[in-house]
């Protein structure tokens, strides 16, 4: 920690919905350049939160902020949910990773499968769908309940706008994803 790496940001928006915290960070100087499939390490300038933790970036590169959906799954994330405030300083290191949720060839059928907070790279990719000429991706999103699922409203809006084919599988409603659901939706030739 003697050398400060990463870009400096500040918390500009906070929204807590159940066990999911959505935070937006705005750059204080130079921003990182990310793709809609990457993650970054966040290091807060607060006691108990200085250890860097990795999170998938949920915002599009076209947005002026970095957005993260963070689930309360351990001591560090629980501490973050209890103590984060507007204006907090954050060091962002990255971006890292390469998922490529959108194909280079626009004729390729794309199937996305996500569960819970694993939806974040696909939320970031949604913004890119409006400017790219790709076949509409089919998304299977597996969640425990509609009330506790991050991004459901954004996904439903994207489906209404004709950007994705959305299939919600809600275990509290008895609709778990099965292989035959995927085959029925995209066909065997699509796999």
C-alpha atoms as a PDB file:
ATOM      1  CA  UNK A   1       0.000   0.000   0.000  1.00  0.00           C
ATOM      2  CA  UNK A   2       2.973   2.348  -0.130  1.00  0.00           C
ATOM      3  CA  UNK A   3       2.267   2.981  -3.813  1.00  0.00           C
ATOM      4  CA  UNK A   4      -1.232   4.210  -4.588  1.00  0.00           C
ATOM      5  CA  UNK A   5      -2.449   2.477  -7.737  1.00  0.00           C
ATOM      6  CA  UNK A   6      -5.727   3.031  -9.480  1.00  0.00           C
ATOM      7  CA  UNK A   7      -7.987   5.931 -10.306  1.00  0.00           C
ATOM      8  CA  UNK A   8      -9.650   8.145  -7.713  1.00  0.00           C
ATOM      9  CA  UNK A   9     -13.450   8.217  -7.540  1.00  0.00           C
ATOM     10  CA  UNK A  10     -16.117   9.361  -5.118  1.00  0.00           C
ATOM     11  CA  UNK A  11     -19.478   7.795  -4.261  1.00  0.00           C
ATOM     12  CA  UNK A  12     -22.116   9.833  -6.123  1.00  0.00           C
ATOM     13  CA  UNK A  13     -25.215   7.635  -5.670  1.00  0.00           C
ATOM     14  CA  UNK A  14     -26.290   4.870  -3.289  1.00  0.00           C
ATOM     15  CA  UNK A  15     -29.354   2.632  -3.469  1.00  0.00           C
ATOM     16  CA  UNK A  16     -29.970  -0.287  -1.162  1.00  0.00           C
ATOM     17  CA  UNK A  17     -32.645  -2.775  -2.189  1.00  0.00           C
ATOM     18  CA  UNK A  18     -32.821  -5.704   0.194  1.00  0.00           C
ATOM     19  CA  UNK A  19     -29.437  -7.421   0.338  1.00  0.00           C
ATOM     20  CA  UNK A  20     -28.162  -5.629  -2.788  1.00  0.00           C
ATOM     21  CA  UNK A  21     -26.335  -2.322  -2.685  1.00  0.00           C
ATOM     22  CA  UNK A  22     -26.019  -0.317  -5.893  1.00  0.00           C
ATOM     23  CA  UNK A  23     -23.328   2.327  -5.790  1.00  0.00           C
ATOM     24  CA  UNK A  24     -22.278   4.770  -8.477  1.00  0.00           C
ATOM     25  CA  UNK A  25     -18.835   6.301  -8.548  1.00  0.00           C
ATOM     26  CA  UNK A  26     -17.825   9.447 -10.407  1.00  0.00           C
ATOM     27  CA  UNK A  27     -14.201  10.106 -11.314  1.00  0.00           C
ATOM     28  CA  UNK A  28     -12.257  12.763  -9.439  1.00  0.00           C
ATOM     29  CA  UNK A  29      -9.695  13.053 -12.207  1.00  0.00           C
ATOM     30  CA  UNK A  30      -8.899  10.418 -14.824  1.00  0.00           C
ATOM     31  CA  UNK A  31     -11.510   7.684 -15.263  1.00  0.00           C
ATOM     32  CA  UNK A  32     -10.805   4.079 -16.113  1.00  0.00           C
ATOM     33  CA  UNK A  33     -11.632   2.807 -19.606  1.00  0.00           C
ATOM     34  CA  UNK A  34     -13.705  -0.369 -19.393  1.00  0.00           C
ATOM     35  CA  UNK A  35     -15.692  -2.728 -21.595  1.00  0.00           C
ATOM     36  CA  UNK A  36     -19.109  -4.059 -20.599  1.00  0.00           C
ATOM     37  CA  UNK A  37     -17.624  -7.337 -19.403  1.00  0.00           C
ATOM     38  CA  UNK A  38     -15.010  -6.363 -16.877  1.00  0.00           C
ATOM     39  CA  UNK A  39     -14.442  -6.046 -13.150  1.00  0.00           C
ATOM     40  CA  UNK A  40     -12.422  -3.732 -10.939  1.00  0.00           C
ATOM     41  CA  UNK A  41     -11.014  -3.746  -7.422  1.00  0.00           C
ATOM     42  CA  UNK A  42     -12.578  -1.209  -5.052  1.00  0.00           C
ATOM     43  CA  UNK A  43     -10.671   0.164  -2.084  1.00  0.00           C
ATOM     44  CA  UNK A  44     -12.584   2.589   0.141  1.00  0.00           C
ATOM     45  CA  UNK A  45     -10.890   5.239   2.260  1.00  0.00           C
ATOM     46  CA  UNK A  46     -12.758   4.077   5.354  1.00  0.00           C
ATOM     47  CA  UNK A  47     -11.749   2.023   8.337  1.00  0.00           C
ATOM     48  CA  UNK A  48     -12.455  -1.653   7.692  1.00  0.00           C
ATOM     49  CA  UNK A  49     -12.846  -1.151   3.923  1.00  0.00           C
ATOM     50  CA  UNK A  50      -9.277  -0.447   2.811  1.00  0.00           C
ATOM     51  CA  UNK A  51      -8.665  -4.023   1.641  1.00  0.00           C
ATOM     52  CA  UNK A  52      -9.346  -4.089  -2.136  1.00  0.00           C
ATOM     53  CA  UNK A  53     -12.301  -6.249  -3.224  1.00  0.00           C
ATOM     54  CA  UNK A  54     -13.267  -7.211  -6.813  1.00  0.00           C
ATOM     55  CA  UNK A  55     -16.681  -6.379  -8.272  1.00  0.00           C
ATOM     56  CA  UNK A  56     -18.105  -6.593 -11.780  1.00  0.00           C
ATOM     57  CA  UNK A  57     -18.789  -3.234 -13.407  1.00  0.00           C
ATOM     58  CA  UNK A  58     -22.507  -2.908 -14.119  1.00  0.00           C
ATOM     59  CA  UNK A  59     -22.404   0.367 -16.046  1.00  0.00           C
ATOM     60  CA  UNK A  60     -21.779   0.851 -19.722  1.00  0.00           C
ATOM     61  CA  UNK A  61     -18.558   2.503 -20.912  1.00  0.00           C
ATOM     62  CA  UNK A  62     -20.808   5.228 -22.396  1.00  0.00           C
ATOM     63  CA  UNK A  63     -22.021   6.303 -18.955  1.00  0.00           C
ATOM     64  CA  UNK A  64     -20.094   8.904 -17.010  1.00  0.00           C
ATOM     65  CA  UNK A  65     -20.092   6.810 -13.829  1.00  0.00           C
ATOM     66  CA  UNK A  66     -19.050   3.365 -12.685  1.00  0.00           C
ATOM     67  CA  UNK A  67     -21.950   1.348 -11.243  1.00  0.00           C
ATOM     68  CA  UNK A  68     -21.557  -1.716  -9.046  1.00  0.00           C
ATOM     69  CA  UNK A  69     -24.197  -4.098  -7.673  1.00  0.00           C
ATOM     70  CA  UNK A  70     -22.859  -5.483  -4.423  1.00  0.00           C
ATOM     71  CA  UNK A  71     -24.519  -8.288  -2.503  1.00  0.00           C
ATOM     72  CA  UNK A  72     -24.303  -8.543   1.308  1.00  0.00           C
ATOM     73  CA  UNK A  73     -22.418 -11.866   1.375  1.00  0.00           C
ATOM     74  CA  UNK A  74     -19.679 -11.488   3.954  1.00  0.00           C
ATOM     75  CA  UNK A  75     -18.047  -9.318   6.588  1.00  0.00           C
ATOM     76  CA  UNK A  76     -16.517  -6.814   4.143  1.00  0.00           C
ATOM     77  CA  UNK A  77     -19.663  -6.329   2.052  1.00  0.00           C
ATOM     78  CA  UNK A  78     -21.817  -6.179   5.193  1.00  0.00           C
ATOM     79  CA  UNK A  79     -19.539  -3.470   6.603  1.00  0.00           C
ATOM     80  CA  UNK A  80     -19.751  -1.595   3.294  1.00  0.00           C
ATOM     81  CA  UNK A  81     -23.554  -1.694   3.291  1.00  0.00           C
ATOM     82  CA  UNK A  82     -23.640  -0.331   6.839  1.00  0.00           C
ATOM     83  CA  UNK A  83     -21.118   2.471   6.402  1.00  0.00           C
ATOM     84  CA  UNK A  84     -20.943   3.729   2.789  1.00  0.00           C
ATOM     85  CA  UNK A  85     -21.972   7.370   2.351  1.00  0.00           C
ATOM     86  CA  UNK A  86     -22.246   9.868  -0.467  1.00  0.00           C
ATOM     87  CA  UNK A  87     -18.900  11.523  -1.074  1.00  0.00           C
ATOM     88  CA  UNK A  88     -16.796   8.621   0.210  1.00  0.00           C
ATOM     89  CA  UNK A  89     -13.472   8.329  -1.632  1.00  0.00           C
ATOM     90  CA  UNK A  90     -12.744   5.119  -3.531  1.00  0.00           C
ATOM     91  CA  UNK A  91      -9.654   3.915  -5.378  1.00  0.00           C
ATOM     92  CA  UNK A  92     -10.626   1.871  -8.443  1.00  0.00           C
ATOM     93  CA  UNK A  93      -8.004  -0.480  -9.824  1.00  0.00           C
ATOM     94  CA  UNK A  94      -8.603  -2.119 -13.162  1.00  0.00           C
ATOM     95  CA  UNK A  95     -10.432  -2.906 -15.299  1.00  0.00           C
ATOM     96  CA  UNK A  96      -9.692  -6.605 -15.607  1.00  0.00           C
ATOM     97  CA  UNK A  97     -11.235  -9.610 -17.326  1.00  0.00           C
ATOM     98  CA  UNK A  98     -12.689 -10.467 -20.671  1.00  0.00           C
ATOM     99  CA  UNK A  99     -16.125 -12.078 -20.830  1.00  0.00           C
ATOM    100  CA  UNK A 100     -17.294 -10.784 -24.248  1.00  0.00           C
ATOM    101  CA  UNK A 101     -21.078 -10.977 -23.748  1.00  0.00           C
ATOM    102  CA  UNK A 102     -21.641  -9.821 -27.325  1.00  0.00           C
ATOM    103  CA  UNK A 103     -20.303 -11.680 -30.374  1.00  0.00           C
ATOM    104  CA  UNK A 104     -18.088 -10.072 -32.997  1.00  0.00           C
ATOM    105  CA  UNK A 105     -20.224 -11.674 -35.720  1.00  0.00           C
ATOM    106  CA  UNK A 106     -23.735 -10.110 -35.661  1.00  0.00           C
ATOM    107  CA  UNK A 107     -25.283 -13.287 -37.122  1.00  0.00           C
ATOM    108  CA  UNK A 108     -24.319 -15.445 -34.133  1.00  0.00           C
ATOM    109  CA  UNK A 109     -27.132 -16.361 -31.735  1.00  0.00           C
ATOM    110  CA  UNK A 110     -26.319 -15.270 -28.196  1.00  0.00           C
ATOM    111  CA  UNK A 111     -27.619 -16.971 -25.055  1.00  0.00           C
ATOM    112  CA  UNK A 112     -26.937 -15.403 -21.682  1.00  0.00           C
ATOM    113  CA  UNK A 113     -27.512 -17.281 -18.412  1.00  0.00           C
ATOM    114  CA  UNK A 114     -27.166 -15.454 -15.111  1.00  0.00           C
ATOM    115  CA  UNK A 115     -28.153 -15.870 -11.501  1.00  0.00           C
ATOM    116  CA  UNK A 116     -28.628 -13.166  -8.879  1.00  0.00           C
ATOM    117  CA  UNK A 117     -25.911 -10.531  -8.803  1.00  0.00           C
ATOM    118  CA  UNK A 118     -24.167 -12.401 -11.663  1.00  0.00           C
ATOM    119  CA  UNK A 119     -26.374 -10.299 -13.937  1.00  0.00           C
ATOM    120  CA  UNK A 120     -24.018  -7.311 -13.727  1.00  0.00           C
ATOM    121  CA  UNK A 121     -21.960  -7.853 -16.917  1.00  0.00           C
ATOM    122  CA  UNK A 122     -25.177  -8.297 -18.884  1.00  0.00           C
ATOM    123  CA  UNK A 123     -26.649  -5.103 -17.445  1.00  0.00           C
ATOM    124  CA  UNK A 124     -23.525  -3.311 -18.660  1.00  0.00           C
ATOM    125  CA  UNK A 125     -23.910  -4.901 -22.109  1.00  0.00           C
ATOM    126  CA  UNK A 126     -27.526  -3.674 -22.445  1.00  0.00           C
ATOM    127  CA  UNK A 127     -26.392  -0.116 -23.195  1.00  0.00           C
ATOM    128  CA  UNK A 128     -24.201  -1.397 -26.034  1.00  0.00           C
ATOM    129  CA  UNK A 129     -27.117  -3.235 -27.652  1.00  0.00           C
ATOM    130  CA  UNK A 130     -28.755   0.006 -28.759  1.00  0.00           C
ATOM    131  CA  UNK A 131     -25.800   0.968 -30.950  1.00  0.00           C
ATOM    132  CA  UNK A 132     -24.718  -2.460 -32.203  1.00  0.00           C
ATOM    133  CA  UNK A 133     -26.296  -4.496 -34.931  1.00  0.00           C
ATOM    134  CA  UNK A 134     -26.412  -7.899 -33.281  1.00  0.00           C
ATOM    135  CA  UNK A 135     -29.104 -10.514 -33.092  1.00  0.00           C
ATOM    136  CA  UNK A 136     -31.220 -10.023 -29.993  1.00  0.00           C
ATOM    137  CA  UNK A 137     -29.641 -11.999 -27.111  1.00  0.00           C
ATOM    138  CA  UNK A 138     -31.782 -14.481 -25.185  1.00  0.00           C
ATOM    139  CA  UNK A 139     -31.325 -14.054 -21.436  1.00  0.00           C
ATOM    140  CA  UNK A 140     -32.233 -16.654 -18.826  1.00  0.00           C
ATOM    141  CA  UNK A 141     -32.124 -14.935 -15.442  1.00  0.00           C
ATOM    142  CA  UNK A 142     -32.430 -17.184 -12.380  1.00  0.00           C
ATOM    143  CA  UNK A 143     -33.473 -15.445  -9.183  1.00  0.00           C
ATOM    144  CA  UNK A 144     -34.875 -16.366  -5.764  1.00  0.00           C
ATOM    145  CA  UNK A 145     -37.639 -13.759  -5.835  1.00  0.00           C
ATOM    146  CA  UNK A 146     -38.604 -10.777  -7.963  1.00  0.00           C
ATOM    147  CA  UNK A 147     -38.346  -8.449  -4.960  1.00  0.00           C
ATOM    148  CA  UNK A 148     -34.746  -9.346  -4.179  1.00  0.00           C
ATOM    149  CA  UNK A 149     -33.295  -9.527  -7.689  1.00  0.00           C
ATOM    150  CA  UNK A 150     -30.946  -6.828  -8.945  1.00  0.00           C
ATOM    151  CA  UNK A 151     -31.678  -5.308 -12.319  1.00  0.00           C
ATOM    152  CA  UNK A 152     -35.097  -6.878 -13.003  1.00  0.00           C
ATOM    153  CA  UNK A 153     -36.746  -3.578 -13.954  1.00  0.00           C
ATOM    154  CA  UNK A 154     -33.894  -2.648 -16.334  1.00  0.00           C
ATOM    155  CA  UNK A 155     -34.088  -6.090 -17.939  1.00  0.00           C
ATOM    156  CA  UNK A 156     -37.859  -5.914 -18.332  1.00  0.00           C
ATOM    157  CA  UNK A 157     -37.493  -2.477 -19.938  1.00  0.00           C
ATOM    158  CA  UNK A 158     -34.848  -3.842 -22.321  1.00  0.00           C
ATOM    159  CA  UNK A 159     -37.213  -6.689 -23.240  1.00  0.00           C
ATOM    160  CA  UNK A 160     -40.065  -4.209 -23.806  1.00  0.00           C
ATOM    161  CA  UNK A 161     -37.735  -2.148 -26.011  1.00  0.00           C
ATOM    162  CA  UNK A 162     -36.968  -5.250 -28.092  1.00  0.00           C
ATOM    163  CA  UNK A 163     -33.299  -5.440 -27.098  1.00  0.00           C
ATOM    164  CA  UNK A 164     -33.382  -8.897 -25.456  1.00  0.00           C
ATOM    165  CA  UNK A 165     -35.561 -11.988 -25.141  1.00  0.00           C
ATOM    166  CA  UNK A 166     -36.011 -12.250 -21.376  1.00  0.00           C
ATOM    167  CA  UNK A 167     -36.856 -15.455 -19.504  1.00  0.00           C
ATOM    168  CA  UNK A 168     -37.158 -15.037 -15.742  1.00  0.00           C
ATOM    169  CA  UNK A 169     -36.878 -18.176 -13.642  1.00  0.00           C
ATOM    170  CA  UNK A 170     -38.028 -17.397 -10.116  1.00  0.00           C
ATOM    171  CA  UNK A 171     -37.467 -20.203  -7.613  1.00  0.00           C
ATOM    172  CA  UNK A 172     -39.964 -18.746  -5.098  1.00  0.00           C
ATOM    173  CA  UNK A 173     -42.589 -19.092  -7.853  1.00  0.00           C
ATOM    174  CA  UNK A 174     -41.490 -22.635  -8.724  1.00  0.00           C
ATOM    175  CA  UNK A 175     -39.885 -21.780 -12.078  1.00  0.00           C
ATOM    176  CA  UNK A 176     -36.348 -23.126 -11.989  1.00  0.00           C
ATOM    177  CA  UNK A 177     -34.288 -23.190 -15.173  1.00  0.00           C
ATOM    178  CA  UNK A 178     -34.034 -26.601 -16.848  1.00  0.00           C
ATOM    179  CA  UNK A 179     -32.114 -27.612 -19.990  1.00  0.00           C
ATOM    180  CA  UNK A 180     -35.379 -28.189 -21.852  1.00  0.00           C
ATOM    181  CA  UNK A 181     -36.333 -24.531 -21.201  1.00  0.00           C
ATOM    182  CA  UNK A 182     -33.252 -23.406 -23.093  1.00  0.00           C
ATOM    183  CA  UNK A 183     -33.784 -25.896 -25.942  1.00  0.00           C
ATOM    184  CA  UNK A 184     -37.457 -24.909 -26.252  1.00  0.00           C
ATOM    185  CA  UNK A 185     -36.517 -21.220 -26.433  1.00  0.00           C
ATOM    186  CA  UNK A 186     -33.465 -21.220 -28.723  1.00  0.00           C
ATOM    187  CA  UNK A 187     -33.689 -24.664 -30.349  1.00  0.00           C
ATOM    188  CA  UNK A 188     -30.983 -27.315 -30.465  1.00  0.00           C
ATOM    189  CA  UNK A 189     -29.317 -25.628 -33.431  1.00  0.00           C
ATOM    190  CA  UNK A 190     -28.857 -22.488 -31.311  1.00  0.00           C
ATOM    191  CA  UNK A 191     -26.666 -24.281 -28.775  1.00  0.00           C
END
